[in-house]
Amino acid sequence: AADEAVLYFTLIKDQVLEGIEEGISPDDITKVV
């Protein structure tokens, strides 16, 4: 029952942090993640 939530928030955290590290702007982050 909790697997989807774990995956969803883990993906958001990891991919957004990666985007920040790569210099993606906040206006463009939803295009990347």
PDB file of all heavy atoms in Angstrom:
ATOM      1  N   ALA A   1       0.803  -1.231   0.000  1.00  0.00           N
ATOM      2  CA  ALA A   1       0.000   0.000   0.000  1.00  0.00           C
ATOM      3  C   ALA A   1       0.830   1.273   0.000  1.00  0.00           C
ATOM      4  O   ALA A   1       0.415   2.296  -0.561  1.00  0.00           O
ATOM      5  CB  ALA A   1      -0.950  -0.001   1.194  1.00  0.00           C
ATOM      6  N   ALA A   2       2.001   1.259   0.639  1.00  0.00           N
ATOM      7  CA  ALA A   2       2.825   2.475   0.733  1.00  0.00           C
ATOM      8  C   ALA A   2       3.883   2.571  -0.357  1.00  0.00           C
ATOM      9  O   ALA A   2       4.586   3.588  -0.445  1.00  0.00           O
ATOM     10  CB  ALA A   2       3.493   2.543   2.107  1.00  0.00           C
ATOM     11  N   ASP A   3       3.999   1.556  -1.194  1.00  0.00           N
ATOM     12  CA  ASP A   3       5.112   1.515  -2.160  1.00  0.00           C
ATOM     13  C   ASP A   3       5.084   2.675  -3.143  1.00  0.00           C
ATOM     14  O   ASP A   3       6.125   3.253  -3.478  1.00  0.00           O
ATOM     15  CB  ASP A   3       5.100   0.186  -2.921  1.00  0.00           C
ATOM     16  CG  ASP A   3       5.445  -1.002  -2.030  1.00  0.00           C
ATOM     17  OD1 ASP A   3       5.814  -0.775  -0.854  1.00  0.00           O
ATOM     18  OD2 ASP A   3       5.335  -2.153  -2.503  1.00  0.00           O
ATOM     19  N   GLU A   4       3.889   3.014  -3.635  1.00  0.00           N
ATOM     20  CA  GLU A   4       3.795   4.120  -4.594  1.00  0.00           C
ATOM     21  C   GLU A   4       4.263   5.433  -3.978  1.00  0.00           C
ATOM     22  O   GLU A   4       4.961   6.218  -4.618  1.00  0.00           O
ATOM     23  CB  GLU A   4       2.356   4.277  -5.093  1.00  0.00           C
ATOM     24  CG  GLU A   4       1.916   3.235  -6.089  1.00  0.00           C
ATOM     25  CD  GLU A   4       0.508   3.520  -6.592  1.00  0.00           C
ATOM     26  OE1 GLU A   4       0.072   4.693  -6.574  1.00  0.00           O
ATOM     27  OE2 GLU A   4      -0.172   2.550  -7.008  1.00  0.00           O
ATOM     28  N   ALA A   5       3.860   5.687  -2.733  1.00  0.00           N
ATOM     29  CA  ALA A   5       4.242   6.932  -2.067  1.00  0.00           C
ATOM     30  C   ALA A   5       5.747   6.999  -1.853  1.00  0.00           C
ATOM     31  O   ALA A   5       6.373   8.045  -2.067  1.00  0.00           O
ATOM     32  CB  ALA A   5       3.511   7.053  -0.730  1.00  0.00           C
ATOM     33  N   VAL A   6       6.343   5.879  -1.440  1.00  0.00           N
ATOM     34  CA  VAL A   6       7.800   5.838  -1.253  1.00  0.00           C
ATOM     35  C   VAL A   6       8.503   6.151  -2.572  1.00  0.00           C
ATOM     36  O   VAL A   6       9.432   6.974  -2.622  1.00  0.00           O
ATOM     37  CB  VAL A   6       8.240   4.464  -0.720  1.00  0.00           C
ATOM     38  CG1 VAL A   6       9.763   4.360  -0.707  1.00  0.00           C
ATOM     39  CG2 VAL A   6       7.688   4.230   0.682  1.00  0.00           C
ATOM     40  N   LEU A   7       8.065   5.514  -3.646  1.00  0.00           N
ATOM     41  CA  LEU A   7       8.689   5.737  -4.952  1.00  0.00           C
ATOM     42  C   LEU A   7       8.502   7.179  -5.411  1.00  0.00           C
ATOM     43  O   LEU A   7       9.455   7.820  -5.877  1.00  0.00           O
ATOM     44  CB  LEU A   7       8.090   4.773  -5.984  1.00  0.00           C
ATOM     45  CG  LEU A   7       8.604   4.934  -7.420  1.00  0.00           C
ATOM     46  CD1 LEU A   7      10.108   4.676  -7.491  1.00  0.00           C
ATOM     47  CD2 LEU A   7       7.847   3.994  -8.369  1.00  0.00           C
ATOM     48  N   TYR A   8       7.296   7.699  -5.266  1.00  0.00           N
ATOM     49  CA  TYR A   8       6.999   9.045  -5.755  1.00  0.00           C
ATOM     50  C   TYR A   8       7.875  10.093  -5.082  1.00  0.00           C
ATOM     51  O   TYR A   8       8.527  10.898  -5.757  1.00  0.00           O
ATOM     52  CB  TYR A   8       5.519   9.362  -5.522  1.00  0.00           C
ATOM     53  CG  TYR A   8       5.071  10.679  -6.123  1.00  0.00           C
ATOM     54  CD1 TYR A   8       4.837  10.795  -7.492  1.00  0.00           C
ATOM     55  CD2 TYR A   8       4.880  11.801  -5.322  1.00  0.00           C
ATOM     56  CE1 TYR A   8       4.433  11.999  -8.044  1.00  0.00           C
ATOM     57  CE2 TYR A   8       4.465  13.008  -5.863  1.00  0.00           C
ATOM     58  CZ  TYR A   8       4.242  13.102  -7.230  1.00  0.00           C
ATOM     59  OH  TYR A   8       3.844  14.302  -7.770  1.00  0.00           O
ATOM     60  N   PHE A   9       7.921  10.080  -3.760  1.00  0.00           N
ATOM     61  CA  PHE A   9       8.684  11.107  -3.054  1.00  0.00           C
ATOM     62  C   PHE A   9      10.196  10.893  -3.177  1.00  0.00           C
ATOM     63  O   PHE A   9      10.959  11.859  -3.184  1.00  0.00           O
ATOM     64  CB  PHE A   9       8.253  11.179  -1.593  1.00  0.00           C
ATOM     65  CG  PHE A   9       6.893  11.775  -1.421  1.00  0.00           C
ATOM     66  CD1 PHE A   9       5.824  10.991  -1.002  1.00  0.00           C
ATOM     67  CD2 PHE A   9       6.657  13.107  -1.694  1.00  0.00           C
ATOM     68  CE1 PHE A   9       4.562  11.538  -0.857  1.00  0.00           C
ATOM     69  CE2 PHE A   9       5.393  13.673  -1.563  1.00  0.00           C
ATOM     70  CZ  PHE A   9       4.347  12.876  -1.135  1.00  0.00           C
ATOM     71  N   THR A  10      10.619   9.650  -3.309  1.00  0.00           N
ATOM     72  CA  THR A  10      12.048   9.388  -3.534  1.00  0.00           C
ATOM     73  C   THR A  10      12.479   9.917  -4.894  1.00  0.00           C
ATOM     74  O   THR A  10      13.538  10.552  -5.022  1.00  0.00           O
ATOM     75  CB  THR A  10      12.334   7.886  -3.425  1.00  0.00           C
ATOM     76  OG1 THR A  10      11.968   7.419  -2.124  1.00  0.00           O
ATOM     77  CG2 THR A  10      13.815   7.601  -3.660  1.00  0.00           C
ATOM     78  N   LEU A  11      11.666   9.662  -5.914  1.00  0.00           N
ATOM     79  CA  LEU A  11      11.986  10.151  -7.255  1.00  0.00           C
ATOM     80  C   LEU A  11      12.026  11.678  -7.301  1.00  0.00           C
ATOM     81  O   LEU A  11      12.927  12.275  -7.901  1.00  0.00           O
ATOM     82  CB  LEU A  11      10.977   9.624  -8.272  1.00  0.00           C
ATOM     83  CG  LEU A  11      11.072   8.143  -8.640  1.00  0.00           C
ATOM     84  CD1 LEU A  11       9.932   7.753  -9.571  1.00  0.00           C
ATOM     85  CD2 LEU A  11      12.415   7.832  -9.294  1.00  0.00           C
ATOM     86  N   ILE A  12      11.024  12.322  -6.701  1.00  0.00           N
ATOM     87  CA  ILE A  12      11.011  13.785  -6.693  1.00  0.00           C
ATOM     88  C   ILE A  12      12.278  14.320  -6.035  1.00  0.00           C
ATOM     89  O   ILE A  12      12.960  15.193  -6.567  1.00  0.00           O
ATOM     90  CB  ILE A  12       9.771  14.338  -5.960  1.00  0.00           C
ATOM     91  CG1 ILE A  12       8.523  14.168  -6.815  1.00  0.00           C
ATOM     92  CG2 ILE A  12       9.953  15.821  -5.644  1.00  0.00           C
ATOM     93  CD1 ILE A  12       7.289  14.801  -6.228  1.00  0.00           C
ATOM     94  N   LYS A  13      12.593  13.799  -4.861  1.00  0.00           N
ATOM     95  CA  LYS A  13      13.764  14.293  -4.130  1.00  0.00           C
ATOM     96  C   LYS A  13      15.040  14.095  -4.942  1.00  0.00           C
ATOM     97  O   LYS A  13      15.815  15.042  -5.146  1.00  0.00           O
ATOM     98  CB  LYS A  13      13.880  13.571  -2.786  1.00  0.00           C
ATOM     99  CG  LYS A  13      15.076  14.037  -1.976  1.00  0.00           C
ATOM    100  CD  LYS A  13      15.283  13.158  -0.761  1.00  0.00           C
ATOM    101  CE  LYS A  13      16.647  13.458  -0.160  1.00  0.00           C
ATOM    102  NZ  LYS A  13      17.191  12.338   0.598  1.00  0.00           N
ATOM    103  N   ASP A  14      15.262  12.878  -5.421  1.00  0.00           N
ATOM    104  CA  ASP A  14      16.509  12.583  -6.127  1.00  0.00           C
ATOM    105  C   ASP A  14      16.623  13.362  -7.435  1.00  0.00           C
ATOM    106  O   ASP A  14      17.684  13.931  -7.751  1.00  0.00           O
ATOM    107  CB  ASP A  14      16.601  11.077  -6.412  1.00  0.00           C
ATOM    108  CG  ASP A  14      16.783  10.251  -5.144  1.00  0.00           C
ATOM    109  OD1 ASP A  14      17.082  10.851  -4.087  1.00  0.00           O
ATOM    110  OD2 ASP A  14      16.618   9.022  -5.211  1.00  0.00           O
ATOM    111  N   GLN A  15      15.528  13.418  -8.194  1.00  0.00           N
ATOM    112  CA  GLN A  15      15.596  14.065  -9.504  1.00  0.00           C
ATOM    113  C   GLN A  15      15.647  15.586  -9.394  1.00  0.00           C
ATOM    114  O   GLN A  15      16.328  16.244 -10.191  1.00  0.00           O
ATOM    115  CB  GLN A  15      14.418  13.615 -10.364  1.00  0.00           C
ATOM    116  CG  GLN A  15      14.504  12.139 -10.740  1.00  0.00           C
ATOM    117  CD  GLN A  15      13.338  11.668 -11.594  1.00  0.00           C
ATOM    118  OE1 GLN A  15      12.587  12.469 -12.165  1.00  0.00           O
ATOM    119  NE2 GLN A  15      13.175  10.362 -11.692  1.00  0.00           N
ATOM    120  N   VAL A  16      14.950  16.161  -8.426  1.00  0.00           N
ATOM    121  CA  VAL A  16      15.015  17.609  -8.237  1.00  0.00           C
ATOM    122  C   VAL A  16      16.396  18.019  -7.744  1.00  0.00           C
ATOM    123  O   VAL A  16      16.972  19.013  -8.227  1.00  0.00           O
ATOM    124  CB  VAL A  16      13.917  18.089  -7.272  1.00  0.00           C
ATOM    125  CG1 VAL A  16      14.153  19.538  -6.851  1.00  0.00           C
ATOM    126  CG2 VAL A  16      12.546  17.965  -7.930  1.00  0.00           C
ATOM    127  N   LEU A  17      16.959  17.266  -6.810  1.00  0.00           N
ATOM    128  CA  LEU A  17      18.321  17.574  -6.339  1.00  0.00           C
ATOM    129  C   LEU A  17      19.328  17.470  -7.480  1.00  0.00           C
ATOM    130  O   LEU A  17      20.250  18.286  -7.589  1.00  0.00           O
ATOM    131  CB  LEU A  17      18.712  16.632  -5.197  1.00  0.00           C
ATOM    132  CG  LEU A  17      18.091  16.920  -3.827  1.00  0.00           C
ATOM    133  CD1 LEU A  17      18.444  15.812  -2.833  1.00  0.00           C
ATOM    134  CD2 LEU A  17      18.553  18.274  -3.292  1.00  0.00           C
ATOM    135  N   GLU A  18      19.150  16.480  -8.338  1.00  0.00           N
ATOM    136  CA  GLU A  18      20.028  16.342  -9.503  1.00  0.00           C
ATOM    137  C   GLU A  18      19.875  17.537 -10.436  1.00  0.00           C
ATOM    138  O   GLU A  18      20.859  18.068 -10.967  1.00  0.00           O
ATOM    139  CB  GLU A  18      19.700  15.049 -10.242  1.00  0.00           C
ATOM    140  CG  GLU A  18      20.620  14.765 -11.425  1.00  0.00           C
ATOM    141  CD  GLU A  18      20.296  13.453 -12.118  1.00  0.00           C
ATOM    142  OE1 GLU A  18      19.551  12.627 -11.537  1.00  0.00           O
ATOM    143  OE2 GLU A  18      20.789  13.245 -13.240  1.00  0.00           O
ATOM    144  N   GLY A  19      18.628  17.978 -10.641  1.00  0.00           N
ATOM    145  CA  GLY A  19      18.395  19.141 -11.489  1.00  0.00           C
ATOM    146  C   GLY A  19      19.025  20.401 -10.913  1.00  0.00           C
ATOM    147  O   GLY A  19      19.605  21.214 -11.645  1.00  0.00           O
ATOM    148  N   ILE A  20      18.929  20.576  -9.592  1.00  0.00           N
ATOM    149  CA  ILE A  20      19.544  21.733  -8.937  1.00  0.00           C
ATOM    150  C   ILE A  20      21.053  21.686  -9.108  1.00  0.00           C
ATOM    151  O   ILE A  20      21.702  22.706  -9.407  1.00  0.00           O
ATOM    152  CB  ILE A  20      19.155  21.770  -7.444  1.00  0.00           C
ATOM    153  CG1 ILE A  20      17.659  22.078  -7.300  1.00  0.00           C
ATOM    154  CG2 ILE A  20      19.985  22.805  -6.689  1.00  0.00           C
ATOM    155  CD1 ILE A  20      17.134  21.918  -5.879  1.00  0.00           C
ATOM    156  N   GLU A  21      21.632  20.492  -8.935  1.00  0.00           N
ATOM    157  CA  GLU A  21      23.075  20.326  -9.091  1.00  0.00           C
ATOM    158  C   GLU A  21      23.528  20.673 -10.511  1.00  0.00           C
ATOM    159  O   GLU A  21      24.606  21.230 -10.719  1.00  0.00           O
ATOM    160  CB  GLU A  21      23.447  18.881  -8.760  1.00  0.00           C
ATOM    161  CG  GLU A  21      24.935  18.570  -8.821  1.00  0.00           C
ATOM    162  CD  GLU A  21      25.738  19.240  -7.725  1.00  0.00           C
ATOM    163  OE1 GLU A  21      25.162  19.582  -6.676  1.00  0.00           O
ATOM    164  OE2 GLU A  21      26.954  19.438  -7.930  1.00  0.00           O
ATOM    165  N   GLU A  22      22.678  20.389 -11.482  1.00  0.00           N
ATOM    166  CA  GLU A  22      23.011  20.663 -12.887  1.00  0.00           C
ATOM    167  C   GLU A  22      22.677  22.093 -13.293  1.00  0.00           C
ATOM    168  O   GLU A  22      22.875  22.476 -14.452  1.00  0.00           O
ATOM    169  CB  GLU A  22      22.276  19.687 -13.791  1.00  0.00           C
ATOM    170  CG  GLU A  22      22.748  18.241 -13.627  1.00  0.00           C
ATOM    171  CD  GLU A  22      21.940  17.267 -14.454  1.00  0.00           C
ATOM    172  OE1 GLU A  22      20.956  17.718 -15.097  1.00  0.00           O
ATOM    173  OE2 GLU A  22      22.273  16.071 -14.466  1.00  0.00           O
ATOM    174  N   GLY A  23      22.154  22.892 -12.366  1.00  0.00           N
ATOM    175  CA  GLY A  23      21.876  24.288 -12.657  1.00  0.00           C
ATOM    176  C   GLY A  23      20.551  24.549 -13.341  1.00  0.00           C
ATOM    177  O   GLY A  23      20.351  25.629 -13.913  1.00  0.00           O
ATOM    178  N   ILE A  24      19.629  23.586 -13.292  1.00  0.00           N
ATOM    179  CA  ILE A  24      18.302  23.803 -13.877  1.00  0.00           C
ATOM    180  C   ILE A  24      17.573  24.869 -13.067  1.00  0.00           C
ATOM    181  O   ILE A  24      17.564  24.839 -11.836  1.00  0.00           O
ATOM    182  CB  ILE A  24      17.485  22.497 -13.880  1.00  0.00           C
ATOM    183  CG1 ILE A  24      18.240  21.377 -14.600  1.00  0.00           C
ATOM    184  CG2 ILE A  24      16.110  22.721 -14.504  1.00  0.00           C
ATOM    185  CD1 ILE A  24      18.513  21.654 -16.045  1.00  0.00           C
ATOM    186  N   SER A  25      16.944  25.817 -13.740  1.00  0.00           N
ATOM    187  CA  SER A  25      16.245  26.894 -13.045  1.00  0.00           C
ATOM    188  C   SER A  25      14.895  26.397 -12.530  1.00  0.00           C
ATOM    189  O   SER A  25      14.351  25.402 -13.028  1.00  0.00           O
ATOM    190  CB  SER A  25      16.011  28.071 -13.996  1.00  0.00           C
ATOM    191  OG  SER A  25      15.012  27.740 -14.950  1.00  0.00           O
ATOM    192  N   PRO A  26      14.325  27.080 -11.529  1.00  0.00           N
ATOM    193  CA  PRO A  26      13.000  26.665 -11.033  1.00  0.00           C
ATOM    194  C   PRO A  26      11.920  26.719 -12.113  1.00  0.00           C
ATOM    195  O   PRO A  26      10.979  25.929 -12.085  1.00  0.00           O
ATOM    196  CB  PRO A  26      12.715  27.646  -9.897  1.00  0.00           C
ATOM    197  CG  PRO A  26      13.673  28.778 -10.073  1.00  0.00           C
ATOM    198  CD  PRO A  26      14.870  28.200 -10.747  1.00  0.00           C
ATOM    199  N   ASP A  27      12.052  27.628 -13.058  1.00  0.00           N
ATOM    200  CA  ASP A  27      11.059  27.730 -14.127  1.00  0.00           C
ATOM    201  C   ASP A  27      11.105  26.534 -15.072  1.00  0.00           C
ATOM    202  O   ASP A  27      10.113  26.235 -15.749  1.00  0.00           O
ATOM    203  CB  ASP A  27      11.275  29.014 -14.933  1.00  0.00           C
ATOM    204  CG  ASP A  27      10.940  30.259 -14.126  1.00  0.00           C
ATOM    205  OD1 ASP A  27      10.152  30.137 -13.166  1.00  0.00           O
ATOM    206  OD2 ASP A  27      11.475  31.336 -14.446  1.00  0.00           O
ATOM    207  N   ASP A  28      12.252  25.862 -15.123  1.00  0.00           N
ATOM    208  CA  ASP A  28      12.424  24.754 -16.055  1.00  0.00           C
ATOM    209  C   ASP A  28      12.392  23.380 -15.386  1.00  0.00           C
ATOM    210  O   ASP A  28      12.429  22.361 -16.086  1.00  0.00           O
ATOM    211  CB  ASP A  28      13.751  24.908 -16.813  1.00  0.00           C
ATOM    212  CG  ASP A  28      13.737  26.090 -17.762  1.00  0.00           C
ATOM    213  OD1 ASP A  28      12.649  26.413 -18.283  1.00  0.00           O
ATOM    214  OD2 ASP A  28      14.802  26.689 -17.978  1.00  0.00           O
ATOM    215  N   ILE A  29      12.334  23.345 -14.055  1.00  0.00           N
ATOM    216  CA  ILE A  29      12.471  22.056 -13.376  1.00  0.00           C
ATOM    217  C   ILE A  29      11.346  21.091 -13.722  1.00  0.00           C
ATOM    218  O   ILE A  29      11.558  19.874 -13.824  1.00  0.00           O
ATOM    219  CB  ILE A  29      12.566  22.256 -11.838  1.00  0.00           C
ATOM    220  CG1 ILE A  29      13.039  20.976 -11.164  1.00  0.00           C
ATOM    221  CG2 ILE A  29      11.234  22.723 -11.255  1.00  0.00           C
ATOM    222  CD1 ILE A  29      14.446  20.565 -11.498  1.00  0.00           C
ATOM    223  N   THR A  30      10.127  21.595 -13.961  1.00  0.00           N
ATOM    224  CA  THR A  30       9.013  20.703 -14.285  1.00  0.00           C
ATOM    225  C   THR A  30       9.126  20.131 -15.695  1.00  0.00           C
ATOM    226  O   THR A  30       8.461  19.144 -16.014  1.00  0.00           O
ATOM    227  CB  THR A  30       7.659  21.431 -14.132  1.00  0.00           C
ATOM    228  OG1 THR A  30       7.644  22.589 -14.955  1.00  0.00           O
ATOM    229  CG2 THR A  30       7.427  21.824 -12.686  1.00  0.00           C
ATOM    230  N   LYS A  31       9.958  20.745 -16.528  1.00  0.00           N
ATOM    231  CA  LYS A  31      10.201  20.196 -17.860  1.00  0.00           C
ATOM    232  C   LYS A  31      11.195  19.048 -17.803  1.00  0.00           C
ATOM    233  O   LYS A  31      11.193  18.169 -18.660  1.00  0.00           O
ATOM    234  CB  LYS A  31      10.740  21.290 -18.791  1.00  0.00           C
ATOM    235  CG  LYS A  31       9.815  22.481 -18.947  1.00  0.00           C
ATOM    236  CD  LYS A  31      10.495  23.601 -19.740  1.00  0.00           C
ATOM    237  CE  LYS A  31       9.630  24.850 -19.776  1.00  0.00           C
ATOM    238  NZ  LYS A  31      10.334  25.978 -20.451  1.00  0.00           N
ATOM    239  N   VAL A  32      12.037  19.078 -16.768  1.00  0.00           N
ATOM    240  CA  VAL A  32      13.083  18.059 -16.620  1.00  0.00           C
ATOM    241  C   VAL A  32      12.602  16.907 -15.745  1.00  0.00           C
ATOM    242  O   VAL A  32      12.802  15.733 -16.072  1.00  0.00           O
ATOM    243  CB  VAL A  32      14.356  18.694 -16.019  1.00  0.00           C
ATOM    244  CG1 VAL A  32      15.418  17.629 -15.757  1.00  0.00           C
ATOM    245  CG2 VAL A  32      14.889  19.787 -16.933  1.00  0.00           C
ATOM    246  N   VAL A  33      11.960  17.243 -14.641  1.00  0.00           N
ATOM    247  CA  VAL A  33      11.444  16.217 -13.719  1.00  0.00           C
ATOM    248  C   VAL A  33       9.964  16.010 -14.025  1.00  0.00           C
ATOM    249  O   VAL A  33       9.100  16.759 -13.552  1.00  0.00           O
ATOM    250  CB  VAL A  33      11.645  16.639 -12.248  1.00  0.00           C
ATOM    251  CG1 VAL A  33      11.117  15.553 -11.310  1.00  0.00           C
ATOM    252  CG2 VAL A  33      13.111  16.919 -11.970  1.00  0.00           C
TER     253      VAL A  33
END
